[in-house]
């Protein structure tokens, strides 16, 4: 549960103007990587994560849909497709809402189901990849970049059988892959040993020295920084960013108030049930001392016979 103090901190962070807006903001993240003409920026970033060359990337949802009441978040994720048909869903997660496992599973399901339209064959299914960059830690692993694939587990019978290969290398499905990048786990390295992903991490961790070097070596990072600076300095872009951010802030406040209201109502009902239960016990105690098996109660001017069986 978010407390009022936490709300004030979040609001302050979101509304304070800085020279360069952080790319870890999910709105800014999508504006940089899904910006019209920035397909090459996203391509370079994906190559760094997937560690393979990509010829072309098509962004499937470049638009930014404002948050509306009653909708689930996830409107700021980026859906993309590579030249070989691989489908990707990339999202920046600012706050730990304790649902990343469910969210990742939902995204994966959508990527797969969207490929299997009416009339499509299962053999036409292409690989689906879900990528999360998080501003918090949630895995027990020490590595900041974790890759998840479906693998077979040994059965009891296989414990005593020579499979003829290392079973941990056997993938259950080549069509499903998860990537998680936990930013707090990233440790700045020697710039002389930077990989392409290290260069990108300089932007996410706001390592200005690393950014200066990365811009000289990678033109796509320079393009990303230029886009980021443009968004940060343009008044209309800042206004749009603030409106999205405040809508999300209001959503959090609304959920917080809804939780408190529900908690208060629940406490009242609990007290009422407790009062009724105590009243019943008191009534039972009142008649405990009677030896008679029958008592009489006056109701609406009539004598009504009530038989009480004491146990």
Protein backbone atom coordinates (compact mmCIF):
# COMPACT_ATOMS: atom_id res chain seq x y z
CA UNK A 1 0.00 0.00 0.00
CA UNK A 2 1.31 3.44 -0.92
CA UNK A 3 1.32 5.98 1.88
CA UNK A 4 0.59 9.69 1.62
CA UNK A 5 4.26 10.51 2.13
CA UNK A 6 5.19 8.28 -0.80
CA UNK A 7 2.60 10.06 -2.97
CA UNK A 8 4.14 13.44 -2.22
CA UNK A 9 7.59 12.12 -3.14
CA UNK A 10 6.33 10.66 -6.42
CA UNK A 11 4.49 13.86 -7.30
CA UNK A 12 7.56 15.95 -6.52
CA UNK A 13 9.78 13.77 -8.71
CA UNK A 14 7.31 13.90 -11.59
CA UNK A 15 6.67 17.62 -11.56
CA UNK A 16 10.17 18.94 -10.87
CA UNK A 17 11.69 20.34 -14.04
CA UNK A 18 15.17 19.13 -14.84
CA UNK A 19 17.51 19.87 -17.73
CA UNK A 20 17.07 16.40 -19.20
CA UNK A 21 14.09 14.20 -18.46
CA UNK A 22 15.05 10.65 -17.40
CA UNK A 23 14.64 7.90 -19.97
CA UNK A 24 13.51 5.65 -17.10
CA UNK A 25 10.20 7.51 -17.21
CA UNK A 26 7.94 5.14 -19.19
CA UNK A 27 6.46 7.99 -21.24
CA UNK A 28 9.91 9.36 -22.16
CA UNK A 29 11.11 5.82 -22.88
CA UNK A 30 8.44 5.33 -25.52
CA UNK A 31 8.90 8.82 -26.96
CA UNK A 32 12.60 8.11 -27.55
CA UNK A 33 12.40 4.56 -28.89
CA UNK A 34 9.07 4.78 -30.75
CA UNK A 35 9.65 8.31 -32.11
CA UNK A 36 8.98 8.60 -35.85
CA UNK A 37 12.28 8.16 -37.65
CA UNK A 38 13.94 6.54 -34.62
CA UNK A 39 13.45 2.94 -35.77
CA UNK A 40 17.24 2.62 -36.08
CA UNK A 41 17.60 3.67 -32.41
CA UNK A 42 15.27 0.90 -31.28
CA UNK A 43 17.03 -1.55 -33.61
CA UNK A 44 20.42 -0.77 -32.06
CA UNK A 45 19.03 -1.10 -28.53
CA UNK A 46 17.44 -4.47 -29.34
CA UNK A 47 20.66 -5.71 -30.94
CA UNK A 48 22.47 -4.86 -27.69
CA UNK A 49 19.92 -6.80 -25.61
CA UNK A 50 19.46 -9.81 -27.89
CA UNK A 51 23.15 -9.93 -28.90
CA UNK A 52 22.39 -10.48 -32.56
CA UNK A 53 22.22 -8.43 -35.72
CA UNK A 54 18.82 -7.16 -36.83
CA UNK A 55 18.21 -5.90 -40.35
CA UNK A 56 14.96 -4.02 -39.83
CA UNK A 57 12.53 -3.11 -37.04
CA UNK A 58 8.94 -2.02 -37.56
CA UNK A 59 7.19 -0.28 -34.65
CA UNK A 60 3.61 -1.55 -34.47
CA UNK A 61 2.22 0.99 -31.97
CA UNK A 62 4.07 4.32 -32.25
CA UNK A 63 1.13 6.29 -30.81
CA UNK A 64 0.92 7.12 -27.11
CA UNK A 65 -2.54 6.46 -25.70
CA UNK A 66 -3.45 8.61 -22.67
CA UNK A 67 -4.46 6.77 -19.54
CA UNK A 68 -8.23 6.49 -19.12
CA UNK A 69 -10.13 5.53 -16.01
CA UNK A 70 -10.89 1.84 -15.82
CA UNK A 71 -8.14 0.77 -18.22
CA UNK A 72 -5.16 -1.37 -17.31
CA UNK A 73 -1.78 0.25 -17.69
CA UNK A 74 0.53 -1.02 -20.38
CA UNK A 75 -0.39 1.74 -22.84
CA UNK A 76 3.24 2.87 -22.96
CA UNK A 77 4.79 -0.42 -24.04
CA UNK A 78 6.40 -0.72 -27.48
CA UNK A 79 5.38 -3.47 -29.85
CA UNK A 80 7.79 -4.17 -32.68
CA UNK A 81 8.50 -6.70 -35.42
CA UNK A 82 11.83 -7.63 -37.00
CA UNK A 83 12.47 -8.62 -40.60
CA UNK A 84 12.16 -12.36 -39.82
CA UNK A 85 8.75 -11.91 -38.19
CA UNK A 86 9.94 -12.00 -34.57
CA UNK A 87 7.43 -10.13 -32.39
CA UNK A 88 8.61 -8.06 -29.43
CA UNK A 89 7.00 -6.17 -26.57
CA UNK A 90 9.29 -3.77 -24.69
CA UNK A 91 8.32 -1.82 -21.60
CA UNK A 92 9.98 0.43 -19.03
CA UNK A 93 8.73 -0.18 -15.48
CA UNK A 94 9.22 2.71 -13.04
CA UNK A 95 7.45 1.40 -9.95
CA UNK A 96 7.21 -2.12 -8.56
CA UNK A 97 3.50 -2.92 -8.69
CA UNK A 98 4.13 -6.55 -7.72
CA UNK A 99 2.61 -7.85 -10.95
CA UNK A 100 5.52 -8.10 -13.38
CA UNK A 101 5.25 -11.90 -13.70
CA UNK A 102 1.54 -11.69 -14.54
CA UNK A 103 2.12 -8.69 -16.82
CA UNK A 104 4.92 -10.45 -18.73
CA UNK A 105 2.74 -13.55 -19.17
CA UNK A 106 -0.14 -11.39 -20.43
CA UNK A 107 2.10 -9.62 -22.95
CA UNK A 108 3.49 -12.94 -24.18
CA UNK A 109 -0.01 -14.34 -24.60
CA UNK A 110 -1.05 -11.32 -26.66
CA UNK A 111 2.02 -11.52 -28.90
CA UNK A 112 1.24 -15.15 -29.67
CA UNK A 113 -2.54 -14.82 -30.04
CA UNK A 114 -2.21 -11.82 -32.37
CA UNK A 115 -0.20 -13.97 -34.76
CA UNK A 116 -2.79 -16.75 -34.83
CA UNK A 117 -5.60 -14.97 -36.61
CA UNK A 118 -8.46 -16.89 -38.23
CA UNK A 119 -7.11 -19.01 -41.07
CA UNK A 120 -3.46 -18.89 -39.93
CA UNK A 121 -1.60 -22.15 -39.43
CA UNK A 122 0.40 -22.99 -36.33
CA UNK A 123 3.43 -23.45 -38.56
CA UNK A 124 3.27 -19.71 -39.34
CA UNK A 125 3.94 -18.81 -35.70
CA UNK A 126 7.06 -16.70 -35.18
CA UNK A 127 9.20 -16.15 -32.10
CA UNK A 128 7.82 -13.84 -29.38
CA UNK A 129 10.06 -11.87 -27.01
CA UNK A 130 9.02 -9.81 -23.98
CA UNK A 131 11.54 -7.30 -22.62
CA UNK A 132 11.22 -5.42 -19.32
CA UNK A 133 13.59 -2.71 -18.12
CA UNK A 134 12.86 -2.12 -14.44
CA UNK A 135 13.87 0.68 -12.10
CA UNK A 136 13.85 -1.81 -9.22
CA UNK A 137 15.12 -5.31 -8.36
CA UNK A 138 12.79 -8.29 -8.22
CA UNK A 139 14.85 -11.37 -9.17
CA UNK A 140 17.21 -13.16 -6.78
CA UNK A 141 19.89 -13.36 -9.47
CA UNK A 142 22.91 -11.06 -9.24
CA UNK A 143 23.07 -10.35 -12.97
CA UNK A 144 21.32 -7.18 -14.12
CA UNK A 145 20.38 -8.81 -17.45
CA UNK A 146 18.46 -12.10 -17.15
CA UNK A 147 17.12 -14.22 -19.99
CA UNK A 148 14.26 -16.66 -19.50
CA UNK A 149 13.36 -19.53 -21.82
CA UNK A 150 11.15 -22.60 -21.48
CA UNK A 151 13.33 -25.61 -20.68
CA UNK A 152 12.67 -29.25 -19.91
CA UNK A 153 13.12 -30.49 -16.35
CA UNK A 154 14.37 -33.95 -15.45
CA UNK A 155 11.68 -36.43 -14.47
CA UNK A 156 12.24 -39.03 -11.75
CA UNK A 157 12.76 -41.71 -14.41
CA UNK A 158 15.43 -39.65 -16.18
CA UNK A 159 17.52 -39.31 -13.02
CA UNK A 160 18.84 -42.81 -13.64
CA UNK A 161 19.08 -42.71 -17.43
CA UNK A 162 21.91 -41.40 -19.60
CA UNK A 163 20.16 -38.99 -21.96
CA UNK A 164 23.25 -38.70 -24.14
CA UNK A 165 23.30 -34.89 -23.82
CA UNK A 166 23.14 -32.17 -21.20
CA UNK A 167 19.44 -31.81 -20.45
CA UNK A 168 19.87 -28.21 -19.27
CA UNK A 169 20.65 -27.29 -22.88
CA UNK A 170 17.37 -28.68 -24.19
CA UNK A 171 14.86 -25.90 -24.84
CA UNK A 172 11.18 -26.79 -24.60
CA UNK A 173 10.18 -24.02 -27.01
CA UNK A 174 12.16 -21.77 -29.32
CA UNK A 175 9.20 -19.43 -29.70
CA UNK A 176 9.11 -17.87 -26.22
CA UNK A 177 11.78 -15.68 -24.62
CA UNK A 178 11.88 -13.19 -21.74
CA UNK A 179 14.49 -10.53 -21.01
CA UNK A 180 14.66 -8.61 -17.72
CA UNK A 181 17.05 -5.71 -17.16
CA UNK A 182 17.15 -4.57 -13.52
CA UNK A 183 18.84 -1.16 -13.54
CA UNK A 184 19.80 -0.98 -9.82
CA UNK A 185 21.97 -4.09 -10.30
CA UNK A 186 24.01 -2.51 -13.06
CA UNK A 187 27.53 -1.57 -11.98
CA UNK A 188 29.44 1.02 -13.99
CA UNK A 189 32.33 -0.62 -15.78
CA UNK A 190 35.58 0.55 -17.29
CA UNK A 191 34.59 2.55 -20.41
CA UNK A 192 37.38 0.87 -22.36
CA UNK A 193 35.58 -2.48 -21.89
CA UNK A 194 32.08 -1.24 -22.71
CA UNK A 195 29.82 -3.54 -24.72
CA UNK A 196 26.99 -2.06 -26.77
CA UNK A 197 24.57 -2.79 -23.91
CA UNK A 198 26.94 -1.04 -21.46
CA UNK A 199 26.76 2.04 -23.69
CA UNK A 200 22.98 2.04 -23.49
CA UNK A 201 23.07 1.51 -19.74
CA UNK A 202 24.94 4.83 -19.44
CA UNK A 203 21.75 6.60 -20.59
CA UNK A 204 19.50 4.65 -18.23
CA UNK A 205 21.79 5.18 -15.23
CA UNK A 206 22.49 8.83 -16.20
CA UNK A 207 26.24 8.27 -16.37
CA UNK A 208 27.20 11.54 -18.12
CA UNK A 209 30.83 10.55 -18.59
CA UNK A 210 29.83 7.26 -20.17
CA UNK A 211 27.22 9.02 -22.32
CA UNK A 212 29.86 11.35 -23.78
CA UNK A 213 32.03 8.40 -24.79
CA UNK A 214 29.08 6.33 -26.06
CA UNK A 215 27.86 9.21 -28.25
CA UNK A 216 31.24 9.31 -30.00
CA UNK A 217 31.26 5.56 -30.68
CA UNK A 218 27.59 4.95 -31.43
CA UNK A 219 25.59 7.32 -33.63
CA UNK A 220 22.29 5.73 -32.53
CA UNK A 221 22.99 6.63 -28.92
CA UNK A 222 23.76 10.16 -30.08
CA UNK A 223 20.41 10.21 -31.90
CA UNK A 224 18.65 8.94 -28.75
CA UNK A 225 20.26 11.66 -26.61
CA UNK A 226 19.32 14.34 -29.16
CA UNK A 227 15.70 13.12 -29.08
CA UNK A 228 15.78 13.09 -25.29
CA UNK A 229 17.12 16.65 -25.16
CA UNK A 230 14.49 17.83 -27.65
CA UNK A 231 11.67 16.32 -25.58
CA UNK A 232 13.12 17.83 -22.40
CA UNK A 233 13.42 21.35 -23.84
CA UNK A 234 10.23 21.57 -25.89
CA UNK A 235 7.38 23.18 -23.84
CA UNK A 236 4.63 21.23 -25.64
CA UNK A 237 6.43 17.95 -25.07
CA UNK A 238 6.90 18.75 -21.39
CA UNK A 239 3.23 19.67 -21.06
CA UNK A 240 2.18 16.42 -22.69
CA UNK A 241 4.57 14.49 -20.48
CA UNK A 242 3.22 16.18 -17.35
CA UNK A 243 -0.39 15.41 -18.33
CA UNK A 244 0.41 11.72 -18.77
CA UNK A 245 2.36 11.64 -15.52
CA UNK A 246 -0.35 13.41 -13.53
CA UNK A 247 -2.99 11.06 -14.93
CA UNK A 248 -0.94 8.17 -13.61
CA UNK A 249 -0.43 9.97 -10.31
CA UNK A 250 -4.21 10.49 -10.00
CA UNK A 251 -4.72 6.79 -10.75
CA UNK A 252 -2.43 5.86 -7.87
CA UNK A 253 -4.21 8.29 -5.54
CA UNK A 254 -7.59 6.91 -6.61
CA UNK A 255 -6.48 3.33 -5.97
CA UNK A 256 -5.04 4.39 -2.63
CA UNK A 257 -8.31 6.08 -1.60
CA UNK A 258 -10.37 3.15 -2.89
CA UNK A 259 -8.30 0.78 -0.77
CA UNK A 260 -8.70 2.96 2.32
CA UNK A 261 -12.46 3.31 1.76
CA UNK A 262 -12.80 -0.45 1.41
CA UNK A 263 -10.70 -0.98 4.51
CA UNK A 264 -12.85 1.46 6.51
CA UNK A 265 -16.10 -0.17 5.36
CA UNK A 266 -14.69 -3.58 6.18
CA UNK A 267 -13.77 -2.46 9.68
CA UNK A 268 -17.27 -1.07 10.25
CA UNK A 269 -18.86 -4.34 9.11
CA UNK A 270 -16.53 -6.28 11.34
CA UNK A 271 -17.43 -4.14 14.35
CA UNK A 272 -21.14 -4.54 13.56
CA UNK A 273 -20.82 -8.34 13.31
CA UNK A 274 -18.90 -8.39 16.57
CA UNK A 275 -21.60 -6.25 18.26
CA UNK A 276 -24.39 -8.55 16.99
CA UNK A 277 -22.47 -11.62 18.10
CA UNK A 278 -21.93 -10.17 21.58
CA UNK A 279 -25.60 -9.19 21.81
CA UNK A 280 -26.62 -12.75 20.99
CA UNK A 281 -24.25 -14.15 23.60
CA UNK A 282 -25.62 -11.74 26.22
CA UNK A 283 -29.17 -12.81 25.38
CA UNK A 284 -28.21 -16.46 25.76
CA UNK A 285 -26.55 -15.78 29.09
CA UNK A 286 -29.74 -14.01 30.25
CA UNK A 287 -31.71 -17.22 29.93
CA UNK A 288 -28.99 -19.60 31.04
CA UNK A 289 -30.21 -19.41 34.66
CA UNK A 290 -33.77 -20.47 33.78
CA UNK A 291 -34.83 -24.01 34.45
CA UNK A 292 -37.92 -23.81 32.28
CA UNK A 293 -37.73 -25.24 28.77
CA UNK A 294 -40.26 -22.75 27.54
CA UNK A 295 -40.44 -18.98 27.75
CA UNK A 296 -42.98 -16.49 26.51
CA UNK A 297 -42.33 -13.41 24.47
CA UNK A 298 -44.73 -10.53 23.86
CA UNK A 299 -44.81 -9.40 20.23
CA UNK A 300 -47.33 -7.08 18.63
CA UNK A 301 -49.73 -7.49 21.55
CA UNK A 302 -49.84 -11.31 21.31
CA UNK A 303 -48.33 -14.06 23.40
CA UNK A 304 -45.90 -15.97 21.23
CA UNK A 305 -44.61 -19.32 22.50
CA UNK A 306 -40.92 -19.95 21.82
CA UNK A 307 -39.26 -23.21 22.73
CA UNK A 308 -35.60 -22.91 23.71
CA UNK A 309 -33.47 -26.04 23.70
CA UNK A 310 -30.39 -25.52 25.84
CA UNK A 311 -27.27 -27.43 24.94
